[in-house]
Amino acid sequence: MKKYRLAIIGLGRMASTIDQEVINYPPVKLPYSIASSCQEIDRIELVAGADVLLEKRAAFSNKWERDAVYQDYLEMIVQEEPDIVAICTKGELHAEMAVRVAESGVKMIYLEKAIACSMVEADSVLEVCQKNGVFLNTGALRRFDSRYQIAKACIDQGEIGDLQYGVHYAAASLLHGHIHAVDTLMYLMGDPQATRVRGDLRPSGLLIEENRLGSDPSATYQIVFENGVGATTIPAGNWDFEIFGTKGCIKSYNNGVNWQLQQKTQVTDRYTPFLNVDYSAPVHHSATIACLEDLVDAFETGRQTLGDITIAHHATEICLAVAESHQQGGGWIDLPLANRSLYIYHV
C-alpha cells in the first residue's frame, strides 16, 4: 500500500487545533483537524507544515512531533515533495496558494472554503486544476459526513419522490458560512447546475463600494436550478436542512444530529398528510477523514472527487451572485455571473 505524504499550509485551527473546540459537540465527529485526521489514515503520512508565524510553527512541531516546519510554503513543497497539500489559511490567500501549489506539480489539494474571494480568482483555480490534472476537495465537509450521505442515498432511492425544493435554516455569513449551506443543498439535490440566483445582504442598506466588500456579510437568497428545482435559506434555525419531494420530505435537526423522514400517506380521499416513517440513524464518521480518503481514492482510480473543483467553483459562483443581486437591488441574476471581479473578503 502506497503511503502519501501530506503537508499543511497555515497551521491554525483547521490544520491543527480545532479538535479541542468541538470535544463533546455532537454535530462533529473527531478527528476533525487535518493533522489529527492524518493520524487515523493508514495511506496518509503528515510530513510537514508551513506558516509565516514562528509561534504557530513551534506549536505545530511540538504537538505533532514534526521537525519539518517552514516559513515559506513553496520551499516546503520543494524540500518535502508532498503528494497532498492542505491549504488552511485565510480566505484571501486560498486562490493564490491553490494556483501556486497546483503549478508546483502537487496532484492532490485540500483547499479550505471558500476557494476564492471573486470569480476571477475562482476561475484561476478551476483552470489550473483542470490544466494540471489536480484532484481537489474543499472544507465544505457536510457532503463527506455519513449522516448527510445516508440522507442523499434515501433521496436518490426515491423515498421522497421527485425533488421539488430545498431549504436551509440558519443565519450565516455569505462566503464563510453559506458556502457550506449552498454546497450541502447542491449535494443533497444531486449537484444540479444553478441557472438563476437572487438575494440580499445584511444589513439591508449595505453598500458594495467599487465592486468590493471588506468583510463577509450575512445573506439570504433563492436559487433556481436547471432541473426546475429551487432552494432557499431562512435566517433562523440551527443549521438544519429540509428537502421536499413529490412523495415526502427529509429533514435534519440540530446541525445534522437528528433526522426525520416523512412520506405522504393516504388517510382519506382528500387528506394525504406527511407522516413519519422509519429512518435508521446512521453511524457518524469523521467527515475530514472521509474527505481526505476520497481525495486519495479519486487520485488512485482517476474518478472525480466528491467535492470536485467544478462543484466548488459553482458553489462559489452562486454565493457571489447573491452579492451581485444585492448590488442590483435584489433582482434575479443569470448564471454564469457576468461580474467576475466582484470581491468579498472572508476569513
Protein backbone atom coordinates (compact mmCIF):
# COMPACT_ATOMS: atom_id res chain seq x y z
CA MET A 1 0.00 0.00 0.00
CA LYS A 2 1.41 3.35 -1.05
CA LYS A 3 1.72 5.97 1.67
CA TYR A 4 1.03 9.54 0.56
CA ARG A 5 2.93 12.47 2.05
CA LEU A 6 0.78 15.37 3.25
CA ALA A 7 1.95 18.89 4.09
CA ILE A 8 -0.15 21.73 5.52
CA ILE A 9 -0.05 25.45 4.78
CA GLY A 10 -1.43 27.59 7.61
CA LEU A 11 -1.01 25.92 10.99
CA GLY A 12 -4.03 27.26 12.87
CA ARG A 13 -7.49 25.88 13.64
CA MET A 14 -8.42 23.54 10.80
CA ALA A 15 -4.83 22.47 10.36
CA SER A 16 -4.13 21.55 13.96
CA THR A 17 -6.15 22.87 16.89
CA ILE A 18 -9.88 22.80 16.13
CA ASP A 19 -10.46 19.40 17.74
CA GLN A 20 -10.19 20.97 21.19
CA GLU A 21 -13.05 23.33 20.33
CA VAL A 22 -15.51 20.57 19.43
CA ILE A 23 -14.92 17.95 22.12
CA ASN A 24 -18.34 16.67 23.26
CA TYR A 25 -20.02 18.59 20.41
CA PRO A 26 -22.43 16.07 18.80
CA PRO A 27 -22.58 17.62 15.28
CA VAL A 28 -18.88 16.90 14.78
CA LYS A 29 -17.16 13.53 14.87
CA LEU A 30 -13.50 13.62 15.84
CA PRO A 31 -10.89 13.68 14.49
CA TYR A 32 -11.65 17.00 12.80
CA SER A 33 -8.40 18.81 12.04
CA ILE A 34 -6.26 17.82 9.07
CA ALA A 35 -3.33 16.84 11.28
CA SER A 36 -5.34 14.71 13.67
CA SER A 37 -7.17 13.03 10.79
CA CYS A 38 -3.87 12.04 9.20
CA GLN A 39 -3.07 10.04 12.33
CA GLU A 40 -6.09 7.81 11.59
CA ILE A 41 -5.50 7.21 7.87
CA ASP A 42 -3.03 4.43 7.00
CA ARG A 43 -2.42 5.75 3.50
CA ILE A 44 -1.51 9.32 4.56
CA GLU A 45 1.54 10.50 6.47
CA LEU A 46 1.74 14.04 7.88
CA VAL A 47 5.26 15.20 7.00
CA ALA A 48 5.47 19.00 7.25
CA GLY A 49 3.80 22.32 7.86
CA ALA A 50 4.29 25.93 6.86
CA ASP A 51 3.20 29.18 8.47
CA VAL A 52 4.50 32.75 8.45
CA LEU A 53 4.20 32.92 12.26
CA LEU A 54 7.02 31.43 14.31
CA GLU A 55 4.76 30.65 17.27
CA LYS A 56 2.39 28.60 15.12
CA ARG A 57 5.26 26.67 13.57
CA ALA A 58 6.64 25.91 17.02
CA ALA A 59 3.26 24.83 18.41
CA PHE A 60 2.59 22.59 15.40
CA SER A 61 6.03 20.99 15.57
CA ASN A 62 5.66 20.28 19.26
CA LYS A 63 2.08 18.97 19.05
CA TRP A 64 2.59 16.61 16.12
CA GLU A 65 6.31 15.86 16.61
CA ARG A 66 7.28 17.09 13.17
CA ASP A 67 10.59 18.90 12.74
CA ALA A 68 9.91 19.87 9.14
CA VAL A 69 8.26 23.28 9.56
CA TYR A 70 8.75 26.18 7.17
CA GLN A 71 8.04 29.87 6.88
CA ASP A 72 7.84 29.64 3.07
CA TYR A 73 5.30 27.10 1.80
CA LEU A 74 6.89 26.90 -1.64
CA GLU A 75 10.20 25.98 -0.05
CA MET A 76 8.36 23.30 1.93
CA ILE A 77 6.97 21.81 -1.28
CA VAL A 78 10.40 21.75 -2.92
CA GLN A 79 12.12 20.21 0.11
CA GLU A 80 9.44 17.74 1.24
CA GLU A 81 7.88 16.74 -2.12
CA PRO A 82 4.38 16.17 -0.68
CA ASP A 83 1.75 14.23 -2.59
CA ILE A 84 -1.06 16.18 -0.88
CA VAL A 85 -1.10 19.80 0.27
CA ALA A 86 -3.78 21.09 2.63
CA ILE A 87 -4.29 24.86 2.38
CA CYS A 88 -5.76 26.06 5.69
CA THR A 89 -5.04 29.79 5.54
CA LYS A 90 -7.29 32.85 5.50
CA GLY A 91 -9.73 33.12 2.61
CA GLU A 92 -7.92 35.92 0.83
CA LEU A 93 -4.96 33.57 0.26
CA HIS A 94 -6.84 30.45 -0.86
CA ALA A 95 -6.91 31.03 -4.61
CA GLU A 96 -3.36 32.34 -4.99
CA MET A 97 -1.92 29.49 -2.96
CA ALA A 98 -4.02 26.86 -4.74
CA VAL A 99 -2.74 28.09 -8.09
CA ARG A 100 0.88 28.03 -6.96
CA VAL A 101 0.58 24.62 -5.36
CA ALA A 102 -1.08 23.18 -8.47
CA GLU A 103 1.63 24.68 -10.67
CA SER A 104 4.31 23.15 -8.44
CA GLY A 105 3.30 19.63 -9.51
CA VAL A 106 1.29 18.58 -6.45
CA LYS A 107 -1.62 16.44 -7.68
CA MET A 108 -3.90 16.43 -4.60
CA ILE A 109 -5.10 19.55 -2.79
CA TYR A 110 -7.36 20.08 0.20
CA LEU A 111 -8.46 23.73 -0.02
CA GLU A 112 -10.33 25.44 2.77
CA LYS A 113 -13.60 27.11 1.88
CA ALA A 114 -14.47 29.34 0.20
CA ILE A 115 -11.96 28.70 -2.54
CA ALA A 116 -11.81 32.35 -3.60
CA CYS A 117 -12.98 35.90 -2.91
CA SER A 118 -14.02 36.62 -6.51
CA MET A 119 -14.88 34.68 -9.63
CA VAL A 120 -11.68 35.92 -11.27
CA GLU A 121 -9.84 34.06 -8.53
CA ALA A 122 -12.16 31.04 -8.64
CA ASP A 123 -11.74 30.83 -12.42
CA SER A 124 -7.96 30.73 -11.97
CA VAL A 125 -8.22 27.79 -9.53
CA LEU A 126 -10.56 25.91 -11.87
CA GLU A 127 -8.28 26.49 -14.83
CA VAL A 128 -5.06 25.44 -13.10
CA CYS A 129 -6.60 22.30 -11.61
CA GLN A 130 -8.01 21.18 -14.94
CA LYS A 131 -4.82 22.05 -16.82
CA ASN A 132 -2.57 20.16 -14.40
CA GLY A 133 -4.86 17.23 -13.58
CA VAL A 134 -5.14 18.19 -9.91
CA PHE A 135 -7.62 16.40 -7.65
CA LEU A 136 -9.24 18.78 -5.16
CA ASN A 137 -11.63 18.68 -2.23
CA THR A 138 -12.64 21.61 -0.07
CA GLY A 139 -13.59 22.26 3.53
CA ALA A 140 -17.32 22.18 2.76
CA LEU A 141 -17.46 18.93 4.70
CA ARG A 142 -21.13 18.02 5.06
CA ARG A 143 -21.06 16.12 1.77
CA PHE A 144 -18.42 13.87 3.40
CA ASP A 145 -20.48 13.39 6.57
CA SER A 146 -22.04 9.90 6.79
CA ARG A 147 -25.34 11.33 8.08
CA TYR A 148 -25.79 13.52 5.01
CA GLN A 149 -24.62 10.71 2.74
CA ILE A 150 -27.33 8.42 4.11
CA ALA A 151 -29.90 11.16 3.57
CA LYS A 152 -28.74 11.61 -0.03
CA ALA A 153 -28.94 7.86 -0.64
CA CYS A 154 -32.51 7.93 0.67
CA ILE A 155 -33.34 10.77 -1.74
CA ASP A 156 -31.61 9.01 -4.65
CA GLN A 157 -33.61 5.84 -3.95
CA GLY A 158 -36.85 7.78 -4.43
CA GLU A 159 -38.02 7.76 -0.81
CA ILE A 160 -39.37 11.32 -1.14
CA GLY A 161 -40.29 11.12 -4.83
CA ASP A 162 -39.16 13.65 -7.41
CA LEU A 163 -37.26 16.60 -5.95
CA GLN A 164 -39.14 19.85 -5.56
CA TYR A 165 -37.39 22.22 -3.16
CA GLY A 166 -34.58 22.52 -0.61
CA VAL A 167 -34.44 24.76 2.45
CA HIS A 168 -31.59 25.69 4.77
CA TYR A 169 -32.26 27.14 8.21
CA ALA A 170 -29.61 29.33 9.87
CA ALA A 171 -28.29 32.87 9.86
CA ALA A 172 -24.82 32.87 8.32
CA SER A 173 -22.22 34.95 6.56
CA LEU A 174 -22.06 34.58 2.79
CA LEU A 175 -18.66 33.09 1.92
CA HIS A 176 -17.53 31.67 5.26
CA GLY A 177 -20.95 30.29 6.22
CA HIS A 178 -23.35 29.97 3.30
CA ILE A 179 -20.77 28.26 1.13
CA HIS A 180 -21.49 25.29 3.45
CA ALA A 181 -25.25 25.68 3.02
CA VAL A 182 -25.12 26.05 -0.76
CA ASP A 183 -22.76 23.11 -1.12
CA THR A 184 -24.95 20.91 1.10
CA LEU A 185 -28.15 21.83 -0.74
CA MET A 186 -26.41 21.08 -4.04
CA TYR A 187 -25.12 17.74 -2.74
CA LEU A 188 -28.44 16.52 -1.33
CA MET A 189 -30.21 17.51 -4.56
CA GLY A 190 -27.72 15.80 -6.87
CA ASP A 191 -25.34 18.67 -7.65
CA PRO A 192 -27.50 20.32 -10.33
CA GLN A 193 -26.32 23.47 -12.08
CA ALA A 194 -27.93 26.71 -10.91
CA THR A 195 -29.34 28.96 -13.60
CA ARG A 196 -30.60 31.96 -11.58
CA VAL A 197 -29.92 33.45 -8.17
CA ARG A 198 -31.29 36.37 -6.21
CA GLY A 199 -30.64 37.56 -2.71
CA ASP A 200 -29.97 40.26 -0.16
CA LEU A 201 -27.06 41.09 2.08
CA ARG A 202 -27.48 42.30 5.63
CA PRO A 203 -27.86 44.95 6.84
CA SER A 204 -30.28 45.73 4.02
CA GLY A 205 -28.67 49.07 3.22
CA LEU A 206 -25.17 47.62 2.90
CA LEU A 207 -23.27 49.29 0.05
CA ILE A 208 -20.75 47.49 -2.11
CA GLU A 209 -18.26 50.22 -2.96
CA GLU A 210 -16.07 49.92 -6.06
CA ASN A 211 -17.25 46.32 -6.53
CA ARG A 212 -15.64 45.22 -3.26
CA LEU A 213 -16.62 44.37 0.32
CA GLY A 214 -14.01 44.34 3.05
CA SER A 215 -15.98 41.98 5.27
CA ASP A 216 -18.18 38.92 4.82
CA PRO A 217 -21.87 39.91 5.19
CA SER A 218 -24.89 37.92 6.33
CA ALA A 219 -27.19 36.96 3.46
CA THR A 220 -30.47 35.44 2.33
CA TYR A 221 -31.12 34.05 -1.16
CA GLN A 222 -33.11 31.94 -3.57
CA ILE A 223 -31.66 29.59 -6.18
CA VAL A 224 -33.23 28.09 -9.31
CA PHE A 225 -31.53 25.01 -10.73
CA GLU A 226 -31.55 23.79 -14.32
CA ASN A 227 -33.95 20.94 -13.49
CA GLY A 228 -36.54 23.43 -12.23
CA VAL A 229 -35.89 22.60 -8.58
CA GLY A 230 -35.45 25.54 -6.23
CA ALA A 231 -33.74 26.25 -2.91
CA THR A 232 -33.66 28.99 -0.33
CA THR A 233 -32.25 29.88 3.08
CA ILE A 234 -34.15 31.07 6.14
CA PRO A 235 -32.07 33.24 8.53
CA ALA A 236 -33.11 31.30 11.64
CA GLY A 237 -32.57 27.79 12.91
CA ASN A 238 -29.69 25.55 13.94
CA TRP A 239 -28.06 24.66 10.64
CA ASP A 240 -30.95 22.46 9.59
CA PHE A 241 -31.81 21.23 6.10
CA GLU A 242 -35.12 20.15 4.60
CA ILE A 243 -35.54 18.56 1.17
CA PHE A 244 -39.05 18.24 -0.26
CA GLY A 245 -40.21 15.83 -2.94
CA THR A 246 -43.48 14.81 -4.52
CA LYS A 247 -43.90 11.91 -2.07
CA GLY A 248 -42.44 13.31 1.14
CA CYS A 249 -39.53 15.12 2.74
CA ILE A 250 -36.37 14.50 4.72
CA LYS A 251 -35.22 16.87 7.45
CA SER A 252 -32.17 17.35 9.63
CA TYR A 253 -32.28 18.97 13.05
CA ASN A 254 -29.66 20.35 15.41
CA ASN A 255 -26.92 20.68 12.82
CA GLY A 256 -27.27 17.16 11.49
CA VAL A 257 -27.55 15.35 14.81
CA ASN A 258 -31.19 14.28 14.31
CA TRP A 259 -33.05 13.28 11.13
CA GLN A 260 -36.65 12.68 10.15
CA LEU A 261 -38.14 11.06 7.04
CA GLN A 262 -41.78 11.76 6.20
CA GLN A 263 -43.89 10.36 3.38
CA LYS A 264 -47.33 11.20 2.07
CA THR A 265 -49.92 8.81 3.47
CA GLN A 266 -53.44 8.46 2.05
CA VAL A 267 -55.80 8.89 5.02
CA THR A 268 -58.92 9.92 3.11
CA ASP A 269 -59.64 10.86 -0.49
CA ARG A 270 -58.93 14.48 0.40
CA TYR A 271 -56.30 14.17 3.11
CA THR A 272 -52.74 12.94 2.46
CA PRO A 273 -50.55 14.16 5.32
CA PHE A 274 -46.80 13.70 5.66
CA LEU A 275 -46.29 11.08 8.37
CA ASN A 276 -43.07 9.88 9.97
CA VAL A 277 -41.60 6.63 8.67
CA ASP A 278 -38.71 4.55 9.99
CA TYR A 279 -35.33 6.13 9.40
CA SER A 280 -32.34 4.42 10.96
CA ALA A 281 -29.80 6.79 12.46
CA PRO A 282 -26.55 6.34 10.52
CA VAL A 283 -23.22 5.68 12.18
CA HIS A 284 -21.41 9.00 12.45
CA HIS A 285 -17.88 9.04 10.99
CA SER A 286 -15.28 11.79 10.73
CA ALA A 287 -16.05 13.94 7.69
CA THR A 288 -12.44 15.13 7.49
CA ILE A 289 -11.15 11.57 7.29
CA ALA A 290 -13.74 10.80 4.61
CA CYS A 291 -12.71 13.91 2.67
CA LEU A 292 -9.02 13.02 2.66
CA GLU A 293 -9.68 9.37 1.85
CA ASP A 294 -11.94 10.42 -1.03
CA LEU A 295 -9.11 12.57 -2.36
CA VAL A 296 -6.70 9.62 -2.38
CA ASP A 297 -9.28 7.20 -3.80
CA ALA A 298 -10.06 9.60 -6.64
CA PHE A 299 -6.36 10.03 -7.42
CA GLU A 300 -5.75 6.29 -7.46
CA THR A 301 -8.77 5.45 -9.63
CA GLY A 302 -8.94 8.58 -11.81
CA ARG A 303 -12.52 9.35 -10.86
CA GLN A 304 -13.83 12.79 -9.89
CA THR A 305 -13.60 13.71 -6.22
CA LEU A 306 -16.84 14.13 -4.30
CA GLY A 307 -16.12 17.84 -3.87
CA ASP A 308 -14.52 18.35 -7.29
CA ILE A 309 -13.22 21.79 -8.29
CA THR A 310 -16.14 22.20 -10.72
CA ILE A 311 -18.58 21.81 -7.81
CA ALA A 312 -16.62 24.14 -5.52
CA HIS A 313 -16.34 26.68 -8.33
CA HIS A 314 -20.10 26.59 -8.95
CA ALA A 315 -20.98 26.94 -5.26
CA THR A 316 -18.68 29.97 -5.09
CA GLU A 317 -20.39 31.48 -8.13
CA ILE A 318 -23.81 31.04 -6.54
CA CYS A 319 -22.66 32.86 -3.40
CA LEU A 320 -21.08 35.72 -5.31
CA ALA A 321 -24.22 36.01 -7.45
CA VAL A 322 -26.13 36.67 -4.21
CA ALA A 323 -23.93 39.71 -3.60
CA GLU A 324 -24.37 40.83 -7.21
CA SER A 325 -28.14 40.54 -6.83
CA HIS A 326 -27.98 42.73 -3.73
CA GLN A 327 -25.85 45.21 -5.66
CA GLN A 328 -28.53 45.33 -8.38
CA GLY A 329 -31.46 45.82 -5.99
CA GLY A 330 -32.36 42.20 -5.29
CA GLY A 331 -33.25 41.12 -8.83
CA TRP A 332 -32.57 37.77 -10.44
CA ILE A 333 -29.01 37.18 -11.66
CA ASP A 334 -28.49 34.72 -14.50
CA LEU A 335 -25.52 32.39 -14.35
CA PRO A 336 -22.75 32.32 -15.34
CA LEU A 337 -22.14 35.52 -13.38
CA ALA A 338 -21.14 38.39 -15.66
CA ASN A 339 -19.42 40.40 -12.93
CA ARG A 340 -16.36 38.19 -12.39
CA SER A 341 -14.39 40.85 -10.44
CA LEU A 342 -16.88 41.35 -7.56
CA TYR A 343 -14.73 40.75 -4.46
CA ILE A 344 -15.78 39.78 -0.93
CA TYR A 345 -13.13 39.39 1.74
CA HIS A 346 -13.61 36.47 4.12
CA VAL A 347 -11.52 34.90 6.86
